[in-house]
C-alpha cells in the first residue's frame, strides 16, 4: 500500500485498485475541506482506481465544521462566512455521490453534521458499534447542508428525518443501523479491514454497471415510474455493449467465474 499525503489534514493511500481517503483531523477547516474536495476529485478521475474508501482517524469519522474557525469567519464578515458551502461542501458531496465507482464509508467513530452528510453520500457504510451520530445543525441555529435534508430523508423516511434534524438528539450505531443509516455494524477494530475487503470486492466487479446503478438510484428518487423505466432501459442498452456484460453471460453459460475489467 502506497501513501500519498495530499496535505497534513487528508491522506490518500492506494492498494491495488482501491483508494483510501482519510481525514486525519475530526473537524473540518478550510484546509481540510479543500484537501478532501481535491482528493475526491482526483480519485474519481483516476481510471486505475475502481473503488474508494472514505474514513477518519481515532475516535471520529468527521464531526463537521470547525466552529472556532467558523466563528472567526462570522466576525470577519458574516455575509461571506458561508461561501464554503459552494466552495467545499457541495463539491465534496457531488464527488462522493456522482463518481463512476463505488464509495465505501468506513465510519470509525463520531459522525455528525456535515460528516453525516458525507457518510450518506457514500454508496455503502461500514460502522463501528461505538460510533455516535447526530445532525447537529439546528443546535447552532442552522439548517442542513451537505445534502443531508435529502439523503437523510431518503435513508430513514421523512418523519424520522424531521425528528432527527429538528430535535438534533444524538443517536447510536445500533439506532443508525435500525433506521437504515449505518449499514454493516461491527467492533471498531474491524471497521478498516472490513471496508477494505468490501472495496476490494467492488473493485474487482463490473464497475461500469456500478456507475450506471448509482445514476439510476439517484435519478429514481421522486421520479415518475415512466421516467425510471426510461433511465433503466437506456442504461441497460449501454451496458449491453460492454465486454464485461458479454463475458459475464458467457461465464454463466460455461459455469465459470466472470472476470470484470471495466470495459
C-alpha atoms as a PDB file:
ATOM      1  CA  UNK A   1       0.000   0.000   0.000  1.00  0.00           C
ATOM      2  CA  UNK A   2       1.416   3.365  -1.014  1.00  0.00           C
ATOM      3  CA  UNK A   3       0.640   6.516   0.983  1.00  0.00           C
ATOM      4  CA  UNK A   4       0.337   9.761  -0.908  1.00  0.00           C
ATOM      5  CA  UNK A   5      -0.248  12.538   1.616  1.00  0.00           C
ATOM      6  CA  UNK A   6      -2.025  15.365  -0.142  1.00  0.00           C
ATOM      7  CA  UNK A   7      -1.742  17.584   2.946  1.00  0.00           C
ATOM      8  CA  UNK A   8      -1.371  17.324   6.697  1.00  0.00           C
ATOM      9  CA  UNK A   9      -5.169  17.057   7.056  1.00  0.00           C
ATOM     10  CA  UNK A  10      -6.082  14.482   4.384  1.00  0.00           C
ATOM     11  CA  UNK A  11      -4.127  11.440   3.241  1.00  0.00           C
ATOM     12  CA  UNK A  12      -4.670   9.191   0.232  1.00  0.00           C
ATOM     13  CA  UNK A  13      -3.377   5.649   0.011  1.00  0.00           C
ATOM     14  CA  UNK A  14      -3.639   3.094  -2.803  1.00  0.00           C
ATOM     15  CA  UNK A  15      -3.868  -0.664  -2.505  1.00  0.00           C
ATOM     16  CA  UNK A  16      -4.233  -2.182  -5.959  1.00  0.00           C
ATOM     17  CA  UNK A  17      -7.409  -0.652  -7.444  1.00  0.00           C
ATOM     18  CA  UNK A  18      -8.719   0.742  -4.125  1.00  0.00           C
ATOM     19  CA  UNK A  19      -8.004   4.299  -2.970  1.00  0.00           C
ATOM     20  CA  UNK A  20      -8.494   5.168   0.692  1.00  0.00           C
ATOM     21  CA  UNK A  21      -9.084   8.823   1.533  1.00  0.00           C
ATOM     22  CA  UNK A  22      -8.562   9.586   5.219  1.00  0.00           C
ATOM     23  CA  UNK A  23      -9.475  12.685   7.176  1.00  0.00           C
ATOM     24  CA  UNK A  24      -6.685  12.977   9.724  1.00  0.00           C
ATOM     25  CA  UNK A  25      -8.471  15.599  11.838  1.00  0.00           C
ATOM     26  CA  UNK A  26     -12.066  15.301  13.075  1.00  0.00           C
ATOM     27  CA  UNK A  27     -13.257  18.882  12.489  1.00  0.00           C
ATOM     28  CA  UNK A  28     -13.482  20.449   9.057  1.00  0.00           C
ATOM     29  CA  UNK A  29     -11.317  23.514   8.494  1.00  0.00           C
ATOM     30  CA  UNK A  30     -10.920  25.375   5.224  1.00  0.00           C
ATOM     31  CA  UNK A  31      -7.688  23.478   4.635  1.00  0.00           C
ATOM     32  CA  UNK A  32      -9.194  20.037   5.289  1.00  0.00           C
ATOM     33  CA  UNK A  33     -12.296  20.742   3.197  1.00  0.00           C
ATOM     34  CA  UNK A  34     -10.210  21.911   0.243  1.00  0.00           C
ATOM     35  CA  UNK A  35      -7.877  18.923   0.563  1.00  0.00           C
ATOM     36  CA  UNK A  36     -10.789  16.477   0.806  1.00  0.00           C
ATOM     37  CA  UNK A  37     -12.523  18.024  -2.194  1.00  0.00           C
ATOM     38  CA  UNK A  38      -9.365  17.856  -4.295  1.00  0.00           C
ATOM     39  CA  UNK A  39      -8.523  14.303  -3.215  1.00  0.00           C
ATOM     40  CA  UNK A  40     -12.003  13.028  -4.081  1.00  0.00           C
ATOM     41  CA  UNK A  41     -11.983  14.730  -7.468  1.00  0.00           C
ATOM     42  CA  UNK A  42      -8.582  13.186  -8.196  1.00  0.00           C
ATOM     43  CA  UNK A  43      -9.534   9.611  -7.265  1.00  0.00           C
ATOM     44  CA  UNK A  44     -12.772   9.999  -9.204  1.00  0.00           C
ATOM     45  CA  UNK A  45     -10.765  10.878 -12.329  1.00  0.00           C
ATOM     46  CA  UNK A  46      -8.142   8.168 -11.840  1.00  0.00           C
ATOM     47  CA  UNK A  47      -9.077   5.251 -14.084  1.00  0.00           C
ATOM     48  CA  UNK A  48      -6.748   2.958 -12.127  1.00  0.00           C
ATOM     49  CA  UNK A  49      -8.973   3.443  -9.072  1.00  0.00           C
ATOM     50  CA  UNK A  50     -12.039   1.205  -9.215  1.00  0.00           C
ATOM     51  CA  UNK A  51     -13.361   1.696  -5.669  1.00  0.00           C
ATOM     52  CA  UNK A  52     -12.852   4.251  -2.890  1.00  0.00           C
ATOM     53  CA  UNK A  53     -12.929   4.159   0.917  1.00  0.00           C
ATOM     54  CA  UNK A  54     -13.603   7.339   2.908  1.00  0.00           C
ATOM     55  CA  UNK A  55     -12.678   7.243   6.592  1.00  0.00           C
ATOM     56  CA  UNK A  56     -11.421   9.202   9.583  1.00  0.00           C
ATOM     57  CA  UNK A  57      -8.900   8.573  12.332  1.00  0.00           C
ATOM     58  CA  UNK A  58      -9.037   7.820  16.026  1.00  0.00           C
ATOM     59  CA  UNK A  59     -12.475   8.087  17.621  1.00  0.00           C
ATOM     60  CA  UNK A  60     -14.030  10.292  14.930  1.00  0.00           C
ATOM     61  CA  UNK A  61     -15.070   9.865  11.324  1.00  0.00           C
ATOM     62  CA  UNK A  62     -15.954  13.544  10.918  1.00  0.00           C
ATOM     63  CA  UNK A  63     -17.576  15.938  13.388  1.00  0.00           C
ATOM     64  CA  UNK A  64     -18.472  18.609  10.846  1.00  0.00           C
ATOM     65  CA  UNK A  65     -17.410  22.225  10.678  1.00  0.00           C
ATOM     66  CA  UNK A  66     -14.626  23.523  12.926  1.00  0.00           C
ATOM     67  CA  UNK A  67     -16.722  26.037  14.867  1.00  0.00           C
ATOM     68  CA  UNK A  68     -13.745  28.047  16.091  1.00  0.00           C
ATOM     69  CA  UNK A  69     -12.754  28.774  12.507  1.00  0.00           C
ATOM     70  CA  UNK A  70     -16.387  29.445  11.615  1.00  0.00           C
ATOM     71  CA  UNK A  71     -16.682  31.960  14.464  1.00  0.00           C
ATOM     72  CA  UNK A  72     -13.678  33.817  13.082  1.00  0.00           C
ATOM     73  CA  UNK A  73     -15.300  33.907   9.641  1.00  0.00           C
ATOM     74  CA  UNK A  74     -18.509  35.299  11.135  1.00  0.00           C
ATOM     75  CA  UNK A  75     -16.599  38.028  12.949  1.00  0.00           C
ATOM     76  CA  UNK A  76     -14.673  38.908   9.801  1.00  0.00           C
ATOM     77  CA  UNK A  77     -17.738  39.090   7.532  1.00  0.00           C
ATOM     78  CA  UNK A  78     -20.929  37.120   8.201  1.00  0.00           C
ATOM     79  CA  UNK A  79     -22.097  37.718   4.628  1.00  0.00           C
ATOM     80  CA  UNK A  80     -19.231  35.626   3.241  1.00  0.00           C
ATOM     81  CA  UNK A  81     -18.862  33.066   6.034  1.00  0.00           C
ATOM     82  CA  UNK A  82     -20.981  30.551   4.146  1.00  0.00           C
ATOM     83  CA  UNK A  83     -19.100  30.743   0.851  1.00  0.00           C
ATOM     84  CA  UNK A  84     -17.613  27.428   1.960  1.00  0.00           C
ATOM     85  CA  UNK A  85     -20.869  25.684   1.039  1.00  0.00           C
ATOM     86  CA  UNK A  86     -20.396  26.284  -2.680  1.00  0.00           C
ATOM     87  CA  UNK A  87     -16.613  26.134  -2.494  1.00  0.00           C
ATOM     88  CA  UNK A  88     -16.218  23.000  -0.397  1.00  0.00           C
ATOM     89  CA  UNK A  89     -19.250  21.170   0.950  1.00  0.00           C
ATOM     90  CA  UNK A  90     -21.253  20.894  -2.248  1.00  0.00           C
ATOM     91  CA  UNK A  91     -18.309  19.736  -4.413  1.00  0.00           C
ATOM     92  CA  UNK A  92     -17.367  17.128  -1.787  1.00  0.00           C
ATOM     93  CA  UNK A  93     -20.869  15.658  -1.732  1.00  0.00           C
ATOM     94  CA  UNK A  94     -21.140  15.751  -5.519  1.00  0.00           C
ATOM     95  CA  UNK A  95     -17.784  13.996  -5.882  1.00  0.00           C
ATOM     96  CA  UNK A  96     -18.839  11.231  -3.491  1.00  0.00           C
ATOM     97  CA  UNK A  97     -22.303  10.704  -4.910  1.00  0.00           C
ATOM     98  CA  UNK A  98     -21.563  11.014  -8.627  1.00  0.00           C
ATOM     99  CA  UNK A  99     -18.108   9.476  -9.115  1.00  0.00           C
ATOM    100  CA  UNK A 100     -18.473   6.496 -11.509  1.00  0.00           C
ATOM    101  CA  UNK A 101     -17.170   3.983  -8.974  1.00  0.00           C
ATOM    102  CA  UNK A 102     -18.382   2.700  -5.594  1.00  0.00           C
ATOM    103  CA  UNK A 103     -17.511   4.591  -2.412  1.00  0.00           C
ATOM    104  CA  UNK A 104     -17.487   2.876   0.984  1.00  0.00           C
ATOM    105  CA  UNK A 105     -17.672   4.985   4.145  1.00  0.00           C
ATOM    106  CA  UNK A 106     -15.650   3.387   6.951  1.00  0.00           C
ATOM    107  CA  UNK A 107     -17.282   5.128   9.913  1.00  0.00           C
ATOM    108  CA  UNK A 108     -14.702   4.567  12.613  1.00  0.00           C
ATOM    109  CA  UNK A 109     -16.263   6.895  15.189  1.00  0.00           C
ATOM    110  CA  UNK A 110     -18.297  10.043  15.775  1.00  0.00           C
ATOM    111  CA  UNK A 111     -20.197  11.129  12.677  1.00  0.00           C
ATOM    112  CA  UNK A 112     -22.210  14.338  12.946  1.00  0.00           C
ATOM    113  CA  UNK A 113     -23.247  17.373  10.927  1.00  0.00           C
ATOM    114  CA  UNK A 114     -21.567  17.529   7.547  1.00  0.00           C
ATOM    115  CA  UNK A 115     -19.803  14.279   8.472  1.00  0.00           C
ATOM    116  CA  UNK A 116     -23.180  12.540   8.441  1.00  0.00           C
ATOM    117  CA  UNK A 117     -23.926  14.174   5.096  1.00  0.00           C
ATOM    118  CA  UNK A 118     -20.634  12.862   3.697  1.00  0.00           C
ATOM    119  CA  UNK A 119     -21.322   9.348   5.001  1.00  0.00           C
ATOM    120  CA  UNK A 120     -24.770   9.295   3.439  1.00  0.00           C
ATOM    121  CA  UNK A 121     -23.324  10.498   0.124  1.00  0.00           C
ATOM    122  CA  UNK A 122     -21.265   7.297   0.009  1.00  0.00           C
ATOM    123  CA  UNK A 123     -22.756   4.163  -1.515  1.00  0.00           C
ATOM    124  CA  UNK A 124     -22.120   1.747   1.361  1.00  0.00           C
ATOM    125  CA  UNK A 125     -21.306   2.229   5.041  1.00  0.00           C
ATOM    126  CA  UNK A 126     -19.307   0.088   7.468  1.00  0.00           C
ATOM    127  CA  UNK A 127     -19.762   1.381  11.018  1.00  0.00           C
ATOM    128  CA  UNK A 128     -18.089   0.912  14.380  1.00  0.00           C
ATOM    129  CA  UNK A 129     -20.533  -0.226  17.053  1.00  0.00           C
ATOM    130  CA  UNK A 130     -19.187   2.567  19.266  1.00  0.00           C
ATOM    131  CA  UNK A 131     -19.891   5.342  16.727  1.00  0.00           C
ATOM    132  CA  UNK A 132     -22.156   8.216  17.705  1.00  0.00           C
ATOM    133  CA  UNK A 133     -24.308  10.086  15.204  1.00  0.00           C
ATOM    134  CA  UNK A 134     -26.182  13.376  15.076  1.00  0.00           C
ATOM    135  CA  UNK A 135     -27.390  16.076  12.715  1.00  0.00           C
ATOM    136  CA  UNK A 136     -26.239  18.963  14.977  1.00  0.00           C
ATOM    137  CA  UNK A 137     -27.262  21.816  12.656  1.00  0.00           C
ATOM    138  CA  UNK A 138     -30.281  23.218  14.487  1.00  0.00           C
ATOM    139  CA  UNK A 139     -28.315  23.157  17.734  1.00  0.00           C
ATOM    140  CA  UNK A 140     -26.281  26.076  16.404  1.00  0.00           C
ATOM    141  CA  UNK A 141     -29.195  27.806  14.678  1.00  0.00           C
ATOM    142  CA  UNK A 142     -28.635  26.419  11.188  1.00  0.00           C
ATOM    143  CA  UNK A 143     -30.387  24.134   8.753  1.00  0.00           C
ATOM    144  CA  UNK A 144     -28.828  21.185   6.915  1.00  0.00           C
ATOM    145  CA  UNK A 145     -26.073  21.295   4.341  1.00  0.00           C
ATOM    146  CA  UNK A 146     -24.036  18.628   2.534  1.00  0.00           C
ATOM    147  CA  UNK A 147     -27.245  17.231   1.031  1.00  0.00           C
ATOM    148  CA  UNK A 148     -28.411  15.933   4.405  1.00  0.00           C
ATOM    149  CA  UNK A 149     -32.000  17.156   4.044  1.00  0.00           C
ATOM    150  CA  UNK A 150     -32.394  14.824   1.060  1.00  0.00           C
ATOM    151  CA  UNK A 151     -30.078  11.918   1.920  1.00  0.00           C
ATOM    152  CA  UNK A 152     -31.294  11.554   5.498  1.00  0.00           C
ATOM    153  CA  UNK A 153     -34.958  11.577   4.486  1.00  0.00           C
ATOM    154  CA  UNK A 154     -34.212   9.012   1.830  1.00  0.00           C
ATOM    155  CA  UNK A 155     -32.406   6.767   4.329  1.00  0.00           C
ATOM    156  CA  UNK A 156     -34.798   6.952   7.285  1.00  0.00           C
ATOM    157  CA  UNK A 157     -38.046   8.400   5.921  1.00  0.00           C
ATOM    158  CA  UNK A 158     -39.412  11.926   6.145  1.00  0.00           C
ATOM    159  CA  UNK A 159     -40.960  11.639   9.604  1.00  0.00           C
ATOM    160  CA  UNK A 160     -37.846  10.355  11.352  1.00  0.00           C
ATOM    161  CA  UNK A 161     -35.620  12.748   9.399  1.00  0.00           C
ATOM    162  CA  UNK A 162     -37.708  15.665  10.681  1.00  0.00           C
ATOM    163  CA  UNK A 163     -37.290  14.434  14.243  1.00  0.00           C
ATOM    164  CA  UNK A 164     -33.544  13.931  13.887  1.00  0.00           C
ATOM    165  CA  UNK A 165     -32.993  17.359  12.329  1.00  0.00           C
ATOM    166  CA  UNK A 166     -35.399  19.440  14.426  1.00  0.00           C
ATOM    167  CA  UNK A 167     -34.591  17.892  17.816  1.00  0.00           C
ATOM    168  CA  UNK A 168     -30.929  17.318  16.997  1.00  0.00           C
ATOM    169  CA  UNK A 169     -30.624  14.496  19.518  1.00  0.00           C
ATOM    170  CA  UNK A 170     -27.597  12.177  19.165  1.00  0.00           C
ATOM    171  CA  UNK A 171     -28.165   8.530  18.276  1.00  0.00           C
ATOM    172  CA  UNK A 172     -26.174   5.324  18.443  1.00  0.00           C
ATOM    173  CA  UNK A 173     -24.764   2.981  15.820  1.00  0.00           C
ATOM    174  CA  UNK A 174     -27.445   0.441  16.732  1.00  0.00           C
ATOM    175  CA  UNK A 175     -30.163   3.018  16.095  1.00  0.00           C
ATOM    176  CA  UNK A 176     -28.450   4.114  12.878  1.00  0.00           C
ATOM    177  CA  UNK A 177     -28.472   0.505  11.701  1.00  0.00           C
ATOM    178  CA  UNK A 178     -32.122   0.017  12.639  1.00  0.00           C
ATOM    179  CA  UNK A 179     -33.084   3.172  10.746  1.00  0.00           C
ATOM    180  CA  UNK A 180     -31.099   2.370   7.602  1.00  0.00           C
ATOM    181  CA  UNK A 181     -28.104   4.669   8.013  1.00  0.00           C
ATOM    182  CA  UNK A 182     -25.225   2.608   9.355  1.00  0.00           C
ATOM    183  CA  UNK A 183     -25.094  -0.392   7.027  1.00  0.00           C
ATOM    184  CA  UNK A 184     -22.775  -3.040   8.498  1.00  0.00           C
ATOM    185  CA  UNK A 185     -22.043  -2.533  12.211  1.00  0.00           C
ATOM    186  CA  UNK A 186     -19.088  -4.226  13.922  1.00  0.00           C
ATOM    187  CA  UNK A 187     -16.365  -3.713  16.537  1.00  0.00           C
ATOM    188  CA  UNK A 188     -14.292  -0.608  15.830  1.00  0.00           C
ATOM    189  CA  UNK A 189     -11.124  -2.663  15.356  1.00  0.00           C
ATOM    190  CA  UNK A 190     -12.707  -4.459  12.396  1.00  0.00           C
ATOM    191  CA  UNK A 191     -14.065  -1.459  10.501  1.00  0.00           C
ATOM    192  CA  UNK A 192     -10.972  -0.617   8.436  1.00  0.00           C
ATOM    193  CA  UNK A 193     -10.288  -4.180   7.320  1.00  0.00           C
ATOM    194  CA  UNK A 194     -13.948  -4.874   6.542  1.00  0.00           C
ATOM    195  CA  UNK A 195     -14.267  -1.693   4.495  1.00  0.00           C
ATOM    196  CA  UNK A 196     -11.041  -2.521   2.640  1.00  0.00           C
ATOM    197  CA  UNK A 197     -12.269  -6.037   1.843  1.00  0.00           C
ATOM    198  CA  UNK A 198     -15.618  -4.720   0.673  1.00  0.00           C
ATOM    199  CA  UNK A 199     -13.965  -2.092  -1.516  1.00  0.00           C
ATOM    200  CA  UNK A 200     -11.600  -4.697  -2.996  1.00  0.00           C
ATOM    201  CA  UNK A 201     -14.592  -6.885  -3.825  1.00  0.00           C
ATOM    202  CA  UNK A 202     -16.296  -3.973  -5.549  1.00  0.00           C
ATOM    203  CA  UNK A 203     -13.085  -3.014  -7.373  1.00  0.00           C
ATOM    204  CA  UNK A 204     -12.969  -6.481  -8.937  1.00  0.00           C
ATOM    205  CA  UNK A 205     -16.582  -6.239 -10.058  1.00  0.00           C
ATOM    206  CA  UNK A 206     -18.438  -4.673 -13.011  1.00  0.00           C
ATOM    207  CA  UNK A 207     -17.576  -1.054 -12.317  1.00  0.00           C
ATOM    208  CA  UNK A 208     -19.443   0.302 -15.330  1.00  0.00           C
ATOM    209  CA  UNK A 209     -22.581  -1.434 -14.091  1.00  0.00           C
ATOM    210  CA  UNK A 210     -21.995   0.076 -10.648  1.00  0.00           C
ATOM    211  CA  UNK A 211     -21.678   3.537 -12.195  1.00  0.00           C
ATOM    212  CA  UNK A 212     -24.952   3.123 -14.106  1.00  0.00           C
ATOM    213  CA  UNK A 213     -26.647   1.774 -10.971  1.00  0.00           C
ATOM    214  CA  UNK A 214     -25.537   4.840  -8.995  1.00  0.00           C
ATOM    215  CA  UNK A 215     -27.003   7.124 -11.641  1.00  0.00           C
ATOM    216  CA  UNK A 216     -30.265   5.193 -11.763  1.00  0.00           C
ATOM    217  CA  UNK A 217     -30.678   5.125  -7.990  1.00  0.00           C
ATOM    218  CA  UNK A 218     -30.053   8.865  -7.746  1.00  0.00           C
ATOM    219  CA  UNK A 219     -32.410   9.707 -10.600  1.00  0.00           C
ATOM    220  CA  UNK A 220     -35.205   7.473  -9.312  1.00  0.00           C
ATOM    221  CA  UNK A 221     -35.748   9.476  -6.130  1.00  0.00           C
ATOM    222  CA  UNK A 222     -39.157  11.076  -6.600  1.00  0.00           C
ATOM    223  CA  UNK A 223     -39.215  10.443 -10.349  1.00  0.00           C
ATOM    224  CA  UNK A 224     -42.400   9.119 -12.009  1.00  0.00           C
ATOM    225  CA  UNK A 225     -42.341   5.447 -12.976  1.00  0.00           C
ATOM    226  CA  UNK A 226     -42.138   6.069 -16.766  1.00  0.00           C
ATOM    227  CA  UNK A 227     -39.005   8.166 -16.237  1.00  0.00           C
ATOM    228  CA  UNK A 228     -37.448   5.494 -14.000  1.00  0.00           C
ATOM    229  CA  UNK A 229     -38.166   2.852 -16.634  1.00  0.00           C
ATOM    230  CA  UNK A 230     -36.635   5.028 -19.361  1.00  0.00           C
ATOM    231  CA  UNK A 231     -33.465   5.627 -17.359  1.00  0.00           C
ATOM    232  CA  UNK A 232     -33.102   1.934 -16.547  1.00  0.00           C
ATOM    233  CA  UNK A 233     -33.728   0.888 -20.146  1.00  0.00           C
ATOM    234  CA  UNK A 234     -31.164   3.274 -21.608  1.00  0.00           C
ATOM    235  CA  UNK A 235     -28.566   2.178 -19.054  1.00  0.00           C
ATOM    236  CA  UNK A 236     -29.190  -1.492 -19.838  1.00  0.00           C
ATOM    237  CA  UNK A 237     -28.680  -0.820 -23.543  1.00  0.00           C
ATOM    238  CA  UNK A 238     -25.353   0.889 -22.854  1.00  0.00           C
ATOM    239  CA  UNK A 239     -24.194  -1.906 -20.571  1.00  0.00           C
ATOM    240  CA  UNK A 240     -25.284  -4.495 -23.095  1.00  0.00           C
ATOM    241  CA  UNK A 241     -22.499  -3.282 -25.376  1.00  0.00           C
ATOM    242  CA  UNK A 242     -19.762  -3.793 -22.782  1.00  0.00           C
ATOM    243  CA  UNK A 243     -17.242  -6.607 -22.712  1.00  0.00           C
ATOM    244  CA  UNK A 244     -17.982  -7.041 -19.012  1.00  0.00           C
ATOM    245  CA  UNK A 245     -21.587  -7.968 -19.758  1.00  0.00           C
ATOM    246  CA  UNK A 246     -20.832 -10.278 -22.658  1.00  0.00           C
ATOM    247  CA  UNK A 247     -18.072 -12.018 -20.727  1.00  0.00           C
ATOM    248  CA  UNK A 248     -20.295 -12.487 -17.670  1.00  0.00           C
ATOM    249  CA  UNK A 249     -23.061 -14.051 -19.775  1.00  0.00           C
ATOM    250  CA  UNK A 250     -20.562 -16.427 -21.403  1.00  0.00           C
ATOM    251  CA  UNK A 251     -19.174 -17.307 -17.975  1.00  0.00           C
ATOM    252  CA  UNK A 252     -22.662 -18.089 -16.696  1.00  0.00           C
ATOM    253  CA  UNK A 253     -23.296 -20.411 -19.613  1.00  0.00           C
ATOM    254  CA  UNK A 254     -19.980 -22.195 -19.152  1.00  0.00           C
ATOM    255  CA  UNK A 255     -20.357 -22.265 -15.354  1.00  0.00           C
ATOM    256  CA  UNK A 256     -17.121 -20.343 -14.810  1.00  0.00           C
ATOM    257  CA  UNK A 257     -16.326 -17.264 -12.710  1.00  0.00           C
ATOM    258  CA  UNK A 258     -16.641 -13.972 -14.636  1.00  0.00           C
ATOM    259  CA  UNK A 259     -13.746 -11.523 -14.713  1.00  0.00           C
ATOM    260  CA  UNK A 260     -14.542  -7.808 -14.956  1.00  0.00           C
ATOM    261  CA  UNK A 261     -12.128  -5.125 -16.143  1.00  0.00           C
ATOM    262  CA  UNK A 262     -14.461  -2.185 -16.694  1.00  0.00           C
ATOM    263  CA  UNK A 263     -14.539  -2.477 -20.483  1.00  0.00           C
END
